[in-house]
Structures are given as C-alpha cells and as structure tokens.
Amino acid sequence: MKVTLLGTGCPQCHTKRYGPANLVRHGSVSVLVDCGSGVTQRLVGAGSPGGKLDAVLLTHLHSDHLVDLYQLIVSGWHQGRTTPLRIYGPKGTRAYVDGLLALWKDERELRIAHEQRPSSAGFTAEVMEYAEGPVVDLPGLSVTAVKVDHRPVEEAYGFVFRADDGSTAVFSGDTRYCPALIRAARGADVLIHECFIHGLMKPVPGMRTQVGIDAVASYHTLSAEVGKVATEAEARFLMLNHFVPAEFDREALSAEVARDFTGPFAIGEDLMSYDIPTRTLTHGDAHWRLGENRA
C-alpha cells in the first residue's frame, strides 16, 4: 500500500499547499480521501488521474474537503472514465452531490451533447453514505470509518485502510484529540494526521479575532498534541498534513512533535509519498528509507 499526500493545506490560499486530499494505492486500486482545492491537478502530478479512481471517500462535509468534487467529476470524464464516480461520504453527502449535479445540469447536458463522447456515464456519480464501521471492500483493500471529534460537526470520520499484505494506514480526518481514533490507529504502519500549529495565527483587524482563532483551534489537533497522539497509538510512522496555517517554520514544528514522539515522522508536503512495505518516503527526486521492511 502506498499513501500520497496530494494537498496538505487548509482553506487559506497557498501556492505550495493545495486543499486537503490524499491518495491510497494498492495493486490496481486507487482511492481518493477528500477532495480539496487543486486535487485534479495533484492527481495528475501523482501519476494517477481522477478518471482512474475506484472510489472517493469524504471524511466530512466541510467545504475545504470537497470543494473540487465537481471538477473531479468533469475532469474524470474528460480523462476517459466510462462509469459513475463512486463517492462514499457521511450522512448528508447524497443531498450535497444531488444538489451539485442539479446546479450544473444544463451545462453538463450541453457538454454531453456538444462533445459527443462515446459514453456519458462517467459524467455522473453514485453516492453511498456510511456510518461508523465498514465503508467499502475493494480488491485487496478494505476501509473502515471511525467517528472522530470535530464538533460542532457531528458527522466527521477518520479512516483505517487495511491491505491484504498486512499493511495499515490510518487517516485522522479533522478532529481534536480523540481517544477513539487513537484506539483505531493502534500499531498502524502509518498515521496521517492533521496539525493545527498553535500560536501562529494572530488577530487581524477586520479579518479575524482571537475568539475566532480559538474556535478553529478547538476542534483541531494542536501541534503540541499530535506527537502525544502518535505515541499513544504506537504508530510506526507519522505523516503530518492539513496544516493550519499553511505557512510555518518546519524546524520549529519538528522540534515540538519530537518532544512527544520518538518514532520517525514527516512534515508532509504536497505529492510526498510513503510506500509501506518498503518503508520508503519519497518527495520529488528525494528518497528516504526509514528502516527494515515490514516483518
């Protein structure tokens, strides 16, 4: 199983950190986790265009995690997809997707009629809503949802991916410190976890207040906490992503995390990948081996 961070940013616009999105590949299967801004471009950059996806999994229905969903549907059709895009999301996803497709109905029908492609099925979507527990079984790969604590968002989940080679990858989704996630991530080969970098965001008159900053921080995992989470979960490797804010001091963040987690970890970057069986981390032309192969 191989995990690629497609977008490691947040709602802030940033040229190096696109919106939250991740790719999981195992054998011939490709699964997208969340659909943030710029995801279609990042999928192409990862060598796995959206037209080839087997499933899209949404952790929750915050806009930064699904804002490019319609673009994914359009671009997948242009890339040759001939079957509906399969979307798995929490309660409310079906209504959202139905509304999205209805919004673009006239434009979509015009495209189909004008472009006269062999199939229009790839310009549609099938939605499956999940709750806590099994989400989907794909060839050699299964996904389970664990409810996390992103209140006041009630329907928010992390995911546990299990491959037939024994490898496991756990995605936190958006959550404050969450014992249920820690239990689900126990002994995971890789824990991919969000990170709110405490203390960097400051009030800006006319833009944001300290009250608003504190409210955002309250339902995310702070940089001072994420190392503790990885230690309690006994994760073999920690990949940090979905950074708030998008711009920060990597060395300072590394020192903060290392105070609580002595295992290997990475400050995630867009298009960084981790191959679990070989324990190989790659980003661009750089490669790191993190130790021996899995037993």
Protein backbone atom coordinates (compact mmCIF):
# COMPACT_ATOMS: atom_id res chain seq x y z
CA MET A 1 0.00 0.00 0.00
CA LYS A 2 1.25 3.46 -0.92
CA VAL A 3 -0.04 6.77 0.50
CA THR A 4 0.43 10.09 -1.30
CA LEU A 5 -0.37 13.46 0.23
CA LEU A 6 -1.96 15.39 -2.63
CA GLY A 7 -2.85 18.54 -0.71
CA THR A 8 -1.54 19.43 2.74
CA GLY A 9 -3.07 22.87 3.12
CA CYS A 10 -6.25 24.35 4.54
CA PRO A 11 -8.85 26.92 3.42
CA GLN A 12 -6.08 29.52 3.11
CA CYS A 13 -4.91 30.02 -0.48
CA HIS A 14 -1.34 28.79 -0.87
CA THR A 15 0.71 28.05 -3.98
CA LYS A 16 2.59 25.08 -2.48
CA ARG A 17 -0.04 23.59 -0.18
CA TYR A 18 -3.27 22.80 -2.01
CA GLY A 19 -6.52 21.81 -0.30
CA PRO A 20 -6.73 18.62 1.80
CA ALA A 21 -6.64 15.44 -0.27
CA ASN A 22 -4.83 12.10 -0.13
CA LEU A 23 -4.36 9.15 -2.45
CA VAL A 24 -4.11 5.50 -1.42
CA ARG A 25 -2.91 2.95 -3.99
CA HIS A 26 -2.66 -0.80 -3.59
CA GLY A 27 -2.24 -3.12 -6.54
CA SER A 28 -4.56 -1.82 -9.23
CA VAL A 29 -6.81 0.05 -6.77
CA SER A 30 -6.75 3.84 -6.30
CA VAL A 31 -8.78 5.63 -3.63
CA LEU A 32 -9.04 9.37 -3.01
CA VAL A 33 -9.53 10.62 0.55
CA ASP A 34 -11.11 14.09 0.46
CA CYS A 35 -11.32 16.43 -2.48
CA GLY A 36 -9.79 19.79 -1.65
CA SER A 37 -8.87 22.63 -3.95
CA GLY A 38 -6.50 21.62 -6.75
CA VAL A 39 -6.96 17.89 -6.31
CA THR A 40 -7.40 17.14 -10.02
CA GLN A 41 -4.05 18.71 -10.81
CA ARG A 42 -2.35 16.94 -7.92
CA LEU A 43 -3.76 13.57 -9.03
CA VAL A 44 -2.18 14.07 -12.45
CA GLY A 45 1.06 15.08 -10.74
CA ALA A 46 0.95 11.84 -8.73
CA GLY A 47 0.55 9.81 -11.92
CA SER A 48 -2.99 8.74 -11.04
CA PRO A 49 -5.57 10.86 -12.88
CA GLY A 50 -9.05 11.12 -11.43
CA GLY A 51 -10.56 9.19 -14.31
CA LYS A 52 -8.94 6.02 -12.92
CA LEU A 53 -10.17 6.33 -9.32
CA ASP A 54 -12.04 3.38 -7.84
CA ALA A 55 -13.60 5.42 -5.04
CA VAL A 56 -13.70 8.82 -3.38
CA LEU A 57 -14.02 8.90 0.42
CA LEU A 58 -15.07 12.08 2.20
CA THR A 59 -14.17 12.46 5.87
CA HIS A 60 -16.79 15.18 6.46
CA LEU A 61 -18.67 17.88 4.59
CA HIS A 62 -16.57 20.94 5.27
CA SER A 63 -16.02 22.90 2.06
CA ASP A 64 -12.23 22.68 2.08
CA HIS A 65 -12.51 18.88 1.93
CA LEU A 66 -14.89 18.68 -1.04
CA VAL A 67 -14.75 21.97 -2.93
CA ASP A 68 -13.30 20.40 -6.11
CA LEU A 69 -15.69 17.45 -6.28
CA TYR A 70 -17.49 18.67 -9.38
CA GLN A 71 -14.18 19.44 -11.08
CA LEU A 72 -13.15 15.85 -10.32
CA ILE A 73 -16.33 14.56 -11.99
CA VAL A 74 -15.78 16.75 -15.08
CA SER A 75 -12.07 16.03 -15.45
CA GLY A 76 -12.55 12.31 -14.87
CA TRP A 77 -14.99 12.19 -17.78
CA HIS A 78 -12.51 14.08 -19.95
CA GLN A 79 -9.86 11.55 -18.90
CA GLY A 80 -11.98 8.69 -20.22
CA ARG A 81 -13.96 7.45 -17.24
CA THR A 82 -16.96 5.47 -18.53
CA THR A 83 -18.60 4.54 -15.20
CA PRO A 84 -20.09 6.76 -12.48
CA LEU A 85 -17.68 8.15 -9.90
CA ARG A 86 -18.30 6.23 -6.67
CA ILE A 87 -18.43 8.60 -3.70
CA TYR A 88 -18.56 7.45 -0.07
CA GLY A 89 -19.46 10.09 2.47
CA PRO A 90 -21.23 10.64 5.80
CA LYS A 91 -24.88 11.48 6.22
CA GLY A 92 -25.75 14.45 4.02
CA THR A 93 -23.41 13.51 1.15
CA ARG A 94 -26.20 12.30 -1.14
CA ALA A 95 -28.11 15.55 -0.79
CA TYR A 96 -24.93 17.53 -1.39
CA VAL A 97 -23.98 15.62 -4.55
CA ASP A 98 -27.54 15.70 -5.86
CA GLY A 99 -27.57 19.47 -5.40
CA LEU A 100 -24.16 19.83 -7.03
CA LEU A 101 -25.22 17.86 -10.10
CA ALA A 102 -28.50 19.77 -10.28
CA LEU A 103 -26.65 23.09 -10.15
CA TRP A 104 -24.59 22.16 -13.22
CA LYS A 105 -27.31 20.17 -15.03
CA ASP A 106 -27.77 22.50 -18.00
CA GLU A 107 -24.03 22.97 -18.53
CA ARG A 108 -23.41 19.24 -18.21
CA GLU A 109 -26.11 18.33 -20.74
CA LEU A 110 -24.74 20.92 -23.15
CA ARG A 111 -21.25 19.46 -22.87
CA ILE A 112 -22.50 15.91 -23.41
CA ALA A 113 -24.50 16.91 -26.50
CA HIS A 114 -21.78 19.08 -27.98
CA GLU A 115 -18.72 16.93 -27.31
CA GLN A 116 -20.38 13.66 -28.42
CA ARG A 117 -18.07 11.40 -26.42
CA PRO A 118 -18.70 7.62 -26.57
CA SER A 119 -20.11 7.50 -23.03
CA SER A 120 -21.80 9.96 -20.69
CA ALA A 121 -21.88 7.57 -17.70
CA GLY A 122 -18.53 8.90 -16.48
CA PHE A 123 -20.13 12.32 -16.09
CA THR A 124 -22.31 11.02 -13.24
CA ALA A 125 -21.82 9.92 -9.64
CA GLU A 126 -23.07 7.19 -7.31
CA VAL A 127 -23.22 8.06 -3.62
CA MET A 128 -23.01 5.63 -0.72
CA GLU A 129 -23.47 7.10 2.74
CA TYR A 130 -21.60 5.39 5.59
CA ALA A 131 -21.60 5.49 9.37
CA GLU A 132 -19.01 4.19 11.82
CA GLY A 133 -17.77 0.75 10.78
CA PRO A 134 -17.02 -0.88 7.40
CA VAL A 135 -17.18 1.51 4.45
CA VAL A 136 -16.03 -0.39 1.36
CA ASP A 137 -14.16 -3.53 0.32
CA LEU A 138 -12.08 -3.27 -2.82
CA PRO A 139 -9.72 -5.86 -4.37
CA GLY A 140 -7.03 -6.38 -1.73
CA LEU A 141 -8.08 -3.34 0.29
CA SER A 142 -10.74 -2.61 2.92
CA VAL A 143 -11.72 0.67 4.58
CA THR A 144 -13.33 1.21 7.98
CA ALA A 145 -14.63 4.51 9.35
CA VAL A 146 -14.05 5.67 12.92
CA LYS A 147 -16.05 8.59 14.29
CA VAL A 148 -13.81 11.44 15.40
CA ASP A 149 -14.45 14.58 17.43
CA HIS A 150 -14.81 17.62 15.16
CA ARG A 151 -17.80 19.09 16.98
CA PRO A 152 -19.85 21.09 16.24
CA VAL A 153 -19.56 19.00 13.06
CA GLU A 154 -21.23 15.76 14.20
CA GLU A 155 -20.66 13.63 11.09
CA ALA A 156 -16.86 13.58 10.95
CA TYR A 157 -14.73 10.47 10.49
CA GLY A 158 -11.25 9.08 10.15
CA PHE A 159 -10.42 6.02 8.06
CA VAL A 160 -8.50 2.81 8.64
CA PHE A 161 -7.14 1.21 5.44
CA ARG A 162 -6.11 -2.46 5.61
CA ALA A 163 -4.39 -4.18 2.70
CA ASP A 164 -4.11 -7.87 2.02
CA ASP A 165 -0.33 -7.66 2.55
CA GLY A 166 -1.00 -6.77 6.20
CA SER A 167 -0.20 -3.07 5.92
CA THR A 168 -2.38 -0.46 7.62
CA ALA A 169 -2.79 3.27 7.08
CA VAL A 170 -4.94 5.49 9.29
CA PHE A 171 -6.24 8.95 8.37
CA SER A 172 -7.33 11.22 11.20
CA GLY A 173 -9.67 13.43 9.21
CA ASP A 174 -10.37 16.65 11.10
CA THR A 175 -10.52 16.12 14.84
CA ARG A 176 -9.48 17.40 18.24
CA TYR A 177 -7.61 14.90 20.45
CA CYS A 178 -9.72 11.76 20.07
CA PRO A 179 -9.28 8.54 22.09
CA ALA A 180 -11.41 6.59 19.59
CA LEU A 181 -9.01 7.48 16.79
CA ILE A 182 -6.02 6.51 18.93
CA ARG A 183 -7.56 3.09 19.58
CA ALA A 184 -8.29 2.61 15.89
CA ALA A 185 -4.74 3.62 14.96
CA ARG A 186 -3.03 1.28 17.42
CA GLY A 187 0.13 -0.07 15.81
CA ALA A 188 -0.64 1.42 12.39
CA ASP A 189 2.14 1.33 9.83
CA VAL A 190 1.44 4.99 9.12
CA LEU A 191 -0.77 7.55 10.82
CA ILE A 192 -1.66 10.50 8.59
CA HIS A 193 -2.76 13.24 10.96
CA GLU A 194 -3.90 16.84 10.73
CA CYS A 195 -1.99 19.56 12.58
CA PHE A 196 -3.09 22.97 13.87
CA ILE A 197 0.11 24.87 14.60
CA HIS A 198 -0.61 26.57 17.89
CA GLY A 199 0.27 30.22 18.36
CA LEU A 200 0.99 31.22 14.77
CA MET A 201 -2.36 32.71 13.83
CA LYS A 202 -2.81 36.21 15.18
CA PRO A 203 -5.81 38.53 15.24
CA VAL A 204 -6.09 40.81 12.21
CA PRO A 205 -8.43 43.80 12.50
CA GLY A 206 -11.36 43.43 10.14
CA MET A 207 -10.39 39.84 9.27
CA ARG A 208 -10.15 37.56 12.32
CA THR A 209 -10.39 37.83 16.07
CA GLN A 210 -8.75 35.87 18.86
CA VAL A 211 -12.15 34.39 19.66
CA GLY A 212 -12.41 33.08 16.10
CA ILE A 213 -8.87 31.69 16.14
CA ASP A 214 -9.55 29.89 19.41
CA ALA A 215 -12.77 28.46 17.97
CA VAL A 216 -10.93 27.00 14.97
CA ALA A 217 -8.17 25.59 17.18
CA SER A 218 -10.72 23.97 19.49
CA TYR A 219 -11.83 21.34 17.00
CA HIS A 220 -8.44 20.51 15.53
CA THR A 221 -5.42 18.68 16.98
CA LEU A 222 -2.77 21.12 18.13
CA SER A 223 0.89 20.79 17.18
CA ALA A 224 1.60 20.32 20.90
CA GLU A 225 -0.73 17.30 20.95
CA VAL A 226 -0.12 15.39 17.73
CA GLY A 227 3.13 13.78 18.92
CA LYS A 228 1.32 12.51 22.02
CA VAL A 229 -1.39 11.03 19.78
CA ALA A 230 1.19 9.14 17.69
CA THR A 231 2.93 7.87 20.83
CA GLU A 232 -0.29 6.67 22.43
CA ALA A 233 -1.28 4.96 19.18
CA GLU A 234 2.18 3.34 18.93
CA ALA A 235 2.26 4.35 15.28
CA ARG A 236 5.24 3.10 13.31
CA PHE A 237 5.40 6.30 11.24
CA LEU A 238 3.64 9.66 11.48
CA MET A 239 2.88 11.87 8.48
CA LEU A 240 1.58 15.32 9.31
CA ASN A 241 -0.77 17.03 6.89
CA HIS A 242 -3.66 19.53 6.61
CA PHE A 243 -1.64 22.29 8.26
CA VAL A 244 -3.30 25.35 9.75
CA PRO A 245 -1.88 27.83 8.94
CA ALA A 246 -0.31 26.76 5.65
CA GLU A 247 2.90 28.73 6.26
CA PHE A 248 5.07 27.80 9.25
CA ASP A 249 8.59 27.02 10.49
CA ARG A 250 9.21 23.34 9.72
CA GLU A 251 12.18 23.08 12.09
CA ALA A 252 10.19 24.50 14.99
CA LEU A 253 7.27 22.18 14.29
CA SER A 254 9.61 19.17 14.08
CA ALA A 255 11.14 20.03 17.46
CA GLU A 256 7.69 20.37 19.00
CA VAL A 257 6.49 17.00 17.71
CA ALA A 258 9.75 15.25 18.63
CA ARG A 259 9.30 16.19 22.27
CA ASP A 260 6.46 13.67 22.49
CA PHE A 261 7.08 11.19 19.68
CA THR A 262 10.41 9.42 19.33
CA GLY A 263 9.48 7.46 16.24
CA PRO A 264 10.01 8.56 12.63
CA PHE A 265 7.76 11.28 11.29
CA ALA A 266 7.49 13.58 8.30
CA ILE A 267 6.32 17.14 7.90
CA GLY A 268 4.09 16.45 4.93
CA GLU A 269 4.41 18.23 1.60
CA ASP A 270 2.15 18.08 -1.43
CA LEU A 271 2.97 14.98 -3.55
CA MET A 272 5.00 13.33 -0.78
CA SER A 273 4.51 9.54 -0.83
CA TYR A 274 5.11 6.69 1.58
CA ASP A 275 5.38 3.09 0.43
CA ILE A 276 4.55 0.96 3.44
CA PRO A 277 6.07 -2.45 2.53
CA THR A 278 9.48 -0.93 1.76
CA ARG A 279 9.18 1.91 4.30
CA THR A 280 10.30 4.34 1.60
CA LEU A 281 9.40 8.02 1.73
CA THR A 282 9.65 10.00 -1.49
CA HIS A 283 9.19 13.61 -2.48
CA GLY A 284 10.26 14.66 -5.94
CA ASP A 285 13.66 13.12 -6.60
CA ALA A 286 14.40 12.59 -2.89
CA HIS A 287 14.10 9.12 -1.30
CA TRP A 288 14.44 8.07 2.33
CA ARG A 289 14.43 4.54 3.74
CA LEU A 290 13.00 4.52 7.25
CA GLY A 291 14.30 1.15 8.37
CA GLU A 292 13.86 -2.52 7.67
CA ASN A 293 10.97 -3.91 5.62
CA ARG A 294 7.86 -4.97 7.49
CA ALA A 295 8.21 -8.36 9.19
